[in-house]
Protein backbone atom coordinates (compact mmCIF):
# COMPACT_ATOMS: atom_id res chain seq x y z
CA MET A 1 45.54 225.36 -28.22
CA ALA A 2 46.58 221.74 -27.67
CA GLY A 3 44.79 219.02 -29.52
CA ARG A 4 43.81 215.51 -28.54
CA LEU A 5 45.52 212.16 -28.95
CA THR A 6 43.29 209.09 -28.84
CA LEU A 7 44.84 205.64 -28.54
CA LEU A 8 42.25 203.25 -29.93
CA ALA A 9 42.94 199.71 -28.71
CA THR A 10 41.27 196.66 -30.23
CA THR A 11 41.56 192.90 -30.06
CA HIS A 12 42.66 190.85 -33.05
CA ARG A 13 40.24 188.14 -31.94
CA VAL A 14 37.28 190.24 -33.12
CA ALA A 15 36.78 190.87 -36.83
CA PRO A 16 38.21 194.20 -38.08
CA GLY A 17 35.60 196.96 -38.16
CA LEU A 18 33.52 195.59 -35.29
CA LEU A 19 34.01 198.49 -32.91
CA THR A 20 32.27 200.07 -29.94
CA ARG A 21 30.14 203.21 -30.25
CA SER A 22 32.78 205.29 -28.44
CA ALA A 23 35.37 204.08 -30.96
CA TRP A 24 33.24 205.16 -33.94
CA LEU A 25 32.56 208.55 -32.35
CA ALA A 26 36.29 209.11 -31.91
CA LEU A 27 37.01 208.06 -35.49
CA ASP A 28 34.26 210.32 -36.88
CA SER A 29 35.50 213.35 -34.95
CA ALA A 30 39.22 212.85 -35.68
CA ASP A 31 41.16 215.15 -37.96
CA LEU A 32 43.65 212.37 -38.60
CA VAL A 33 43.42 208.61 -38.17
CA CYS A 34 46.72 206.80 -38.39
CA ALA A 35 48.17 203.34 -37.83
CA GLN A 36 51.26 201.28 -38.41
CA ASP A 37 51.39 199.88 -41.92
CA GLY A 38 49.58 196.52 -42.02
CA ASN A 39 47.01 197.25 -39.31
CA ALA A 40 44.01 194.97 -39.87
CA HIS A 41 41.43 197.76 -39.46
CA VAL A 42 42.71 199.93 -42.33
CA ASP A 43 40.68 198.22 -45.07
CA ALA A 44 37.58 197.88 -42.89
CA LEU A 45 37.58 201.60 -42.10
CA ALA A 46 38.19 202.49 -45.74
CA GLU A 47 34.99 200.64 -46.67
CA VAL A 48 32.98 203.10 -44.56
CA GLY A 49 34.83 206.16 -45.83
CA ILE A 50 37.39 206.65 -43.07
CA SER A 51 40.87 207.19 -44.47
CA VAL A 52 43.77 205.91 -42.40
CA ASN A 53 47.23 207.41 -42.71
CA THR A 54 49.59 204.43 -42.51
CA VAL A 55 53.01 205.00 -40.99
CA GLU A 56 56.06 203.17 -42.26
CA VAL A 57 58.26 201.28 -39.82
CA LEU A 58 59.64 203.72 -37.27
CA SER A 59 61.18 203.28 -33.87
CA ALA A 60 58.81 203.62 -30.93
CA THR A 61 60.36 206.95 -29.95
CA GLU A 62 60.10 208.34 -33.48
CA ARG A 63 56.50 207.22 -33.74
CA ALA A 64 55.61 208.75 -30.37
CA ARG A 65 57.27 212.02 -31.32
CA TRP A 66 55.40 212.08 -34.64
CA LEU A 67 52.08 211.49 -32.86
CA MET A 68 52.79 214.32 -30.43
CA GLN A 69 53.52 216.68 -33.31
CA GLN A 70 50.33 215.74 -35.17
CA ALA A 71 48.22 216.09 -32.02
CA SER A 72 49.64 219.49 -31.10
CA ASP A 73 46.59 221.22 -32.57
CA HIS A 74 44.48 218.40 -34.06
CA HIS A 75 42.48 215.42 -32.88
CA VAL A 76 44.55 212.39 -33.81
CA VAL A 77 43.44 208.76 -33.44
CA TRP A 78 46.17 206.12 -33.36
CA LEU A 79 45.03 202.54 -34.05
CA VAL A 80 46.97 200.51 -31.51
CA GLY A 81 48.57 197.36 -32.90
CA ASP A 82 47.71 193.80 -31.90
CA ASP A 83 50.69 193.70 -29.53
CA GLY A 84 49.33 196.65 -27.54
CA ASP A 85 52.08 199.07 -28.70
CA ALA A 86 53.59 199.08 -25.21
CA ALA A 87 56.81 200.60 -26.57
CA ILE A 88 54.90 203.61 -27.94
CA THR A 89 53.00 204.26 -24.73
CA ASP A 90 56.25 204.01 -22.78
CA ALA A 91 57.83 206.54 -25.13
CA LEU A 92 54.79 208.83 -24.98
CA ALA A 93 54.70 209.01 -21.17
CA PRO A 94 57.78 211.24 -20.63
CA MET A 95 56.93 213.36 -23.69
CA ILE A 96 53.45 214.11 -22.39
CA SER A 97 54.84 214.75 -18.91
CA ARG A 98 57.25 217.37 -20.27
CA ALA A 99 54.55 218.91 -22.47
CA THR A 100 52.18 219.11 -19.49
CA GLU A 101 54.75 221.13 -17.56
CA ASN A 102 54.78 223.60 -20.44
CA ASP A 103 50.96 223.60 -20.83
CA VAL A 104 51.19 222.32 -24.39
CA ALA A 105 50.31 218.66 -23.83
CA PRO A 106 47.51 217.25 -25.98
CA GLU A 107 44.57 215.70 -24.20
CA LEU A 108 45.27 211.97 -24.03
CA GLU A 109 42.58 209.29 -23.96
CA VAL A 110 42.57 205.55 -24.37
CA ILE A 111 39.49 203.90 -25.84
CA GLN A 112 38.88 200.17 -25.95
CA GLY A 113 37.37 199.73 -29.38
CA SER A 114 36.66 196.01 -29.10
CA VAL A 115 37.01 193.42 -26.37
CA ASP A 116 37.44 189.67 -26.26
CA LEU A 117 34.36 187.55 -25.78
CA PRO A 118 34.57 184.66 -23.29
CA GLY A 119 36.53 181.86 -24.91
CA ALA A 120 38.26 184.14 -27.41
CA ARG A 121 41.72 182.99 -26.34
CA LEU A 122 40.88 179.55 -27.72
CA LEU A 123 41.46 181.12 -31.13
CA ASP A 124 45.07 181.74 -30.08
CA VAL A 125 45.52 178.07 -29.21
CA VAL A 126 44.26 177.06 -32.65
CA ALA A 127 46.49 179.63 -34.37
CA VAL A 128 49.61 178.58 -32.46
CA MET A 129 48.97 174.91 -33.18
CA ASP A 130 48.48 175.68 -36.86
CA ARG A 131 51.81 177.53 -36.88
CA LEU A 132 53.62 174.64 -35.18
CA ARG A 133 52.20 172.06 -37.55
CA SER A 134 52.60 174.06 -40.78
CA PRO A 135 55.73 174.10 -42.98
CA GLY A 136 58.48 176.02 -41.24
CA GLY A 137 57.05 175.21 -37.84
CA CYS A 138 58.25 172.67 -35.30
CA PRO A 139 59.92 169.47 -36.63
CA TRP A 140 58.72 167.43 -33.65
CA ASP A 141 55.09 168.57 -34.01
CA ALA A 142 55.26 167.90 -37.74
CA GLU A 143 56.12 164.22 -37.14
CA GLN A 144 53.28 163.42 -34.75
CA THR A 145 50.28 161.22 -35.54
CA HIS A 146 47.11 160.33 -33.65
CA GLN A 147 48.83 157.13 -32.54
CA SER A 148 52.06 158.78 -31.37
CA LEU A 149 50.09 161.32 -29.33
CA ALA A 150 47.92 158.69 -27.62
CA PRO A 151 50.29 158.18 -24.62
CA TYR A 152 50.39 161.94 -24.00
CA LEU A 153 46.59 162.11 -23.96
CA LEU A 154 46.46 159.38 -21.33
CA GLU A 155 49.29 160.94 -19.30
CA GLU A 156 47.71 164.41 -19.31
CA THR A 157 44.37 162.91 -18.26
CA TYR A 158 45.95 161.25 -15.23
CA GLU A 159 47.86 164.42 -14.35
CA THR A 160 44.61 166.37 -14.49
CA LEU A 161 42.94 163.85 -12.19
CA HIS A 162 45.89 164.15 -9.80
CA ALA A 163 45.49 167.94 -9.73
CA LEU A 164 41.82 167.43 -8.88
CA ASP A 165 42.68 165.02 -6.07
CA VAL A 166 45.26 167.39 -4.61
CA GLY A 167 42.90 170.34 -4.91
CA ASP A 168 45.53 172.73 -6.28
CA GLN A 169 43.66 175.18 -8.53
CA GLY A 170 46.86 176.44 -10.14
CA ASP A 171 47.92 172.92 -11.12
CA LEU A 172 44.41 172.12 -12.29
CA LYS A 173 44.39 175.15 -14.60
CA GLU A 174 47.75 174.14 -16.06
CA GLU A 175 46.81 170.48 -16.52
CA LEU A 176 43.50 171.38 -18.16
CA GLY A 177 45.53 173.50 -20.56
CA ASP A 178 47.75 170.52 -21.35
CA LEU A 179 44.65 168.39 -21.89
CA LEU A 180 43.15 171.06 -24.16
CA LEU A 181 46.37 171.05 -26.16
CA GLN A 182 45.89 167.36 -26.88
CA VAL A 183 42.36 168.00 -28.18
CA VAL A 184 43.52 170.86 -30.42
CA PHE A 185 46.52 168.83 -31.64
CA HIS A 186 44.38 165.85 -32.65
CA ALA A 187 41.89 168.15 -34.38
CA ARG A 188 44.71 169.83 -36.30
CA LEU A 189 45.95 166.42 -37.47
CA ALA A 190 42.43 165.55 -38.61
CA GLU A 191 42.37 168.61 -40.88
CA GLU A 192 45.12 166.94 -42.90
CA ASN A 193 43.10 163.77 -43.45
CA GLY A 194 42.74 163.53 -47.21
CA ASP A 195 39.62 161.34 -47.12
CA LYS A 196 37.41 162.80 -44.42
CA PRO A 197 39.01 165.90 -42.89
CA TRP A 198 37.47 167.64 -39.92
CA SER A 199 38.59 170.46 -37.67
CA ILE A 200 38.31 171.84 -34.16
CA ASP A 201 35.19 173.68 -35.33
CA ASP A 202 33.55 170.34 -36.08
CA VAL A 203 34.54 169.13 -32.62
CA ALA A 204 33.00 172.23 -31.02
CA ALA A 205 29.87 171.96 -33.18
CA GLY A 206 29.42 168.36 -32.06
CA VAL A 207 29.71 169.34 -28.40
CA VAL A 208 27.14 172.11 -28.82
CA ALA A 209 24.70 169.83 -30.62
CA LYS A 210 25.13 167.16 -27.95
CA LEU A 211 24.61 169.57 -25.04
CA VAL A 212 21.49 171.04 -26.61
CA SER A 213 19.92 167.69 -27.51
CA ARG A 214 20.65 166.17 -24.09
CA HIS A 215 19.31 169.13 -22.12
CA PRO A 216 15.71 169.29 -23.38
CA HIS A 217 14.71 170.71 -19.99
CA VAL A 218 16.82 173.77 -20.81
CA PHE A 219 16.63 174.08 -24.60
CA GLY A 220 13.34 172.26 -25.24
CA GLN A 221 9.95 171.61 -23.70
CA ALA A 222 10.89 168.78 -21.32
CA SER A 223 11.18 169.22 -17.57
CA ALA A 224 13.53 167.84 -14.94
CA GLU A 225 13.20 168.55 -11.25
CA SER A 226 16.43 167.00 -9.97
CA ALA A 227 19.98 166.16 -10.96
CA GLN A 228 19.05 162.46 -10.88
CA GLU A 229 16.24 163.06 -13.38
CA VAL A 230 18.59 165.01 -15.62
CA GLU A 231 21.11 162.15 -15.52
CA ALA A 232 18.43 159.58 -16.35
CA ASN A 233 17.16 161.66 -19.27
CA TRP A 234 20.73 162.11 -20.53
CA HIS A 235 21.29 158.36 -20.50
CA ASP A 236 18.00 157.60 -22.31
CA ILE A 237 18.65 160.23 -24.99
CA LYS A 238 22.20 158.92 -25.45
CA VAL A 239 20.97 155.35 -25.89
CA ALA A 240 18.46 156.50 -28.51
CA GLU A 241 21.05 158.62 -30.35
CA LYS A 242 23.64 155.86 -30.42
CA GLY A 243 21.18 153.11 -31.30
CA ARG A 244 22.55 150.92 -28.52
CA LYS A 245 21.01 147.48 -28.12
CA THR A 246 22.75 146.17 -25.00
CA PRO A 247 23.82 147.78 -21.71
CA VAL A 248 27.44 147.06 -22.69
CA ASP A 249 27.36 149.00 -25.97
CA GLY A 250 29.59 152.06 -25.76
CA VAL A 251 31.47 150.92 -22.65
CA PRO A 252 35.22 151.02 -23.38
CA LEU A 253 36.38 147.62 -22.15
CA GLY A 254 39.93 148.94 -21.97
CA LEU A 255 39.07 151.07 -18.93
CA PRO A 256 41.00 150.39 -15.74
CA ALA A 257 39.35 147.42 -14.05
CA LEU A 258 37.75 149.35 -11.18
CA ALA A 259 36.30 152.03 -13.49
CA LEU A 260 35.09 149.32 -15.88
CA ALA A 261 33.36 147.41 -13.09
CA ALA A 262 31.62 150.57 -11.82
CA LYS A 263 30.46 151.45 -15.33
CA LEU A 264 29.02 147.98 -15.98
CA VAL A 265 27.24 147.88 -12.63
CA ASP A 266 25.65 151.28 -13.33
CA ARG A 267 24.60 150.17 -16.83
CA SER A 268 23.07 146.98 -15.48
CA ARG A 269 21.03 148.82 -12.87
CA HIS A 270 19.88 151.55 -15.23
CA ALA A 271 18.72 148.96 -17.76
CA GLY A 272 16.82 147.13 -15.02
CA THR A 273 18.40 143.78 -15.83
CA ASP A 274 17.94 140.68 -13.73
CA VAL A 275 21.64 139.89 -13.88
CA GLU A 276 22.69 139.11 -10.32
CA ILE A 277 25.69 140.96 -8.92
CA GLU A 278 26.45 139.79 -5.42
CA GLU A 279 27.06 142.66 -3.00
CA LEU A 280 29.20 142.38 0.09
CA GLU A 281 27.92 143.38 3.49
CA LEU A 282 29.48 146.73 4.34
CA PRO A 283 29.33 148.90 7.48
CA ALA A 284 26.31 151.19 7.77
CA ASN A 285 28.59 154.19 8.23
CA LEU A 286 30.32 153.57 4.90
CA ASP A 287 31.88 156.61 3.28
CA GLU A 288 34.63 157.16 0.70
CA GLU A 289 37.39 157.07 3.29
CA LEU A 290 36.22 153.79 4.77
CA LEU A 291 35.52 152.33 1.33
CA GLY A 292 39.06 153.23 0.26
CA ALA A 293 40.47 151.44 3.29
CA ILE A 294 38.37 148.33 2.53
CA LEU A 295 39.47 148.29 -1.11
CA LEU A 296 43.08 148.76 -0.08
CA GLY A 297 42.69 145.85 2.30
CA LEU A 298 41.33 143.67 -0.51
CA VAL A 299 44.31 144.58 -2.67
CA ALA A 300 46.70 143.79 0.16
CA SER A 301 45.02 140.42 0.73
CA ALA A 302 45.15 139.63 -2.99
CA ARG A 303 48.87 140.37 -3.11
CA SER A 304 49.44 138.18 -0.04
CA HIS A 305 47.94 135.33 -2.07
CA ASN A 306 50.05 136.25 -5.11
CA LEU A 307 46.96 137.32 -7.03
CA ASP A 308 46.68 140.34 -9.36
CA PRO A 309 43.60 142.34 -8.28
CA GLU A 310 43.51 144.30 -11.55
CA SER A 311 43.47 141.14 -13.64
CA ALA A 312 40.94 139.44 -11.37
CA LEU A 313 38.50 142.35 -11.45
CA ARG A 314 38.90 142.74 -15.20
CA ARG A 315 38.09 139.04 -15.68
CA ALA A 316 35.01 139.37 -13.46
CA SER A 317 33.93 142.52 -15.33
CA ARG A 318 34.26 140.84 -18.71
CA ALA A 319 32.13 137.98 -17.41
CA LEU A 320 29.52 140.53 -16.29
CA ALA A 321 29.63 142.17 -19.72
CA ALA A 322 28.94 138.80 -21.34
CA GLN A 323 25.96 138.27 -19.02
CA LEU A 324 24.57 141.70 -19.90
CA ARG A 325 24.86 140.97 -23.60
CA GLY A 326 23.09 137.66 -23.03
CA TYR A 327 20.35 139.41 -21.07
CA ALA A 328 19.80 141.88 -23.89
CA ALA A 329 19.57 139.07 -26.47
CA THR A 330 17.04 137.20 -24.32
CA ALA A 331 15.01 140.33 -23.57
CA GLY A 332 15.03 141.34 -27.24
């Protein structure tokens, strides 16, 4: 009577020994549990009394043939390697097909013993970056510093924004990956800081703490009925956390002039200052398309007068920042 061959697949992103119920049932009922030498689950299974027969390096065909022989009249569980053992399954397919024709094929089943949790592939990014940066890795990666990577961070940010503007989801996915790489790279460099090292885990922990503290309507007892209320609460909590004393504190003055101006105007209004910012009369039907045309017209007019609109707006924004600081000093 033919036996049974169970291919037990797991993910290396979950700790060895953390398996599904169906996996444990298969392991408990097996006559023989085997794996390639070096499989991460061997020691974990040994701790609970399950002995694993480790197989020395064999070709995929030899390994498949050996498994077929062992499963001819026994229940055999093969612990699939991290790479999925595609070569073994390819070699097994014709062997099982021939055995089926002769009514001697073992029952074949595939069990997923553990699965990736959402976000598990981030571990791969960290591992690959560690490999690139470690001795024997990539010479170019080994030479980089926070300062040398700064232009790439800016470039990837603009490329991500372009993908958003174009609306191409494929490009957006790729550019977000490039942006993520910059975050992981900088975090890996920080691990090597001899004075105050920190890692990607510290970055993630900071994000979690920030999201929890600034969403008291979700994780605490506060309430918020609208997105506008959520935004206002976020700003107030942020001001308290950062200990900011003026509406300008925390605004990166190196922002592009238009983004800087928008940020300062928003800060001024949220703080309820009496700093006057003259508004132009605009059409009642104003939308983003019309606003873009008006701004483009202003740029064109500025260039006709040999003026630099970026420099002019930056100068006006810095003047506004000075007024906001003065307001805060007077109000304080």
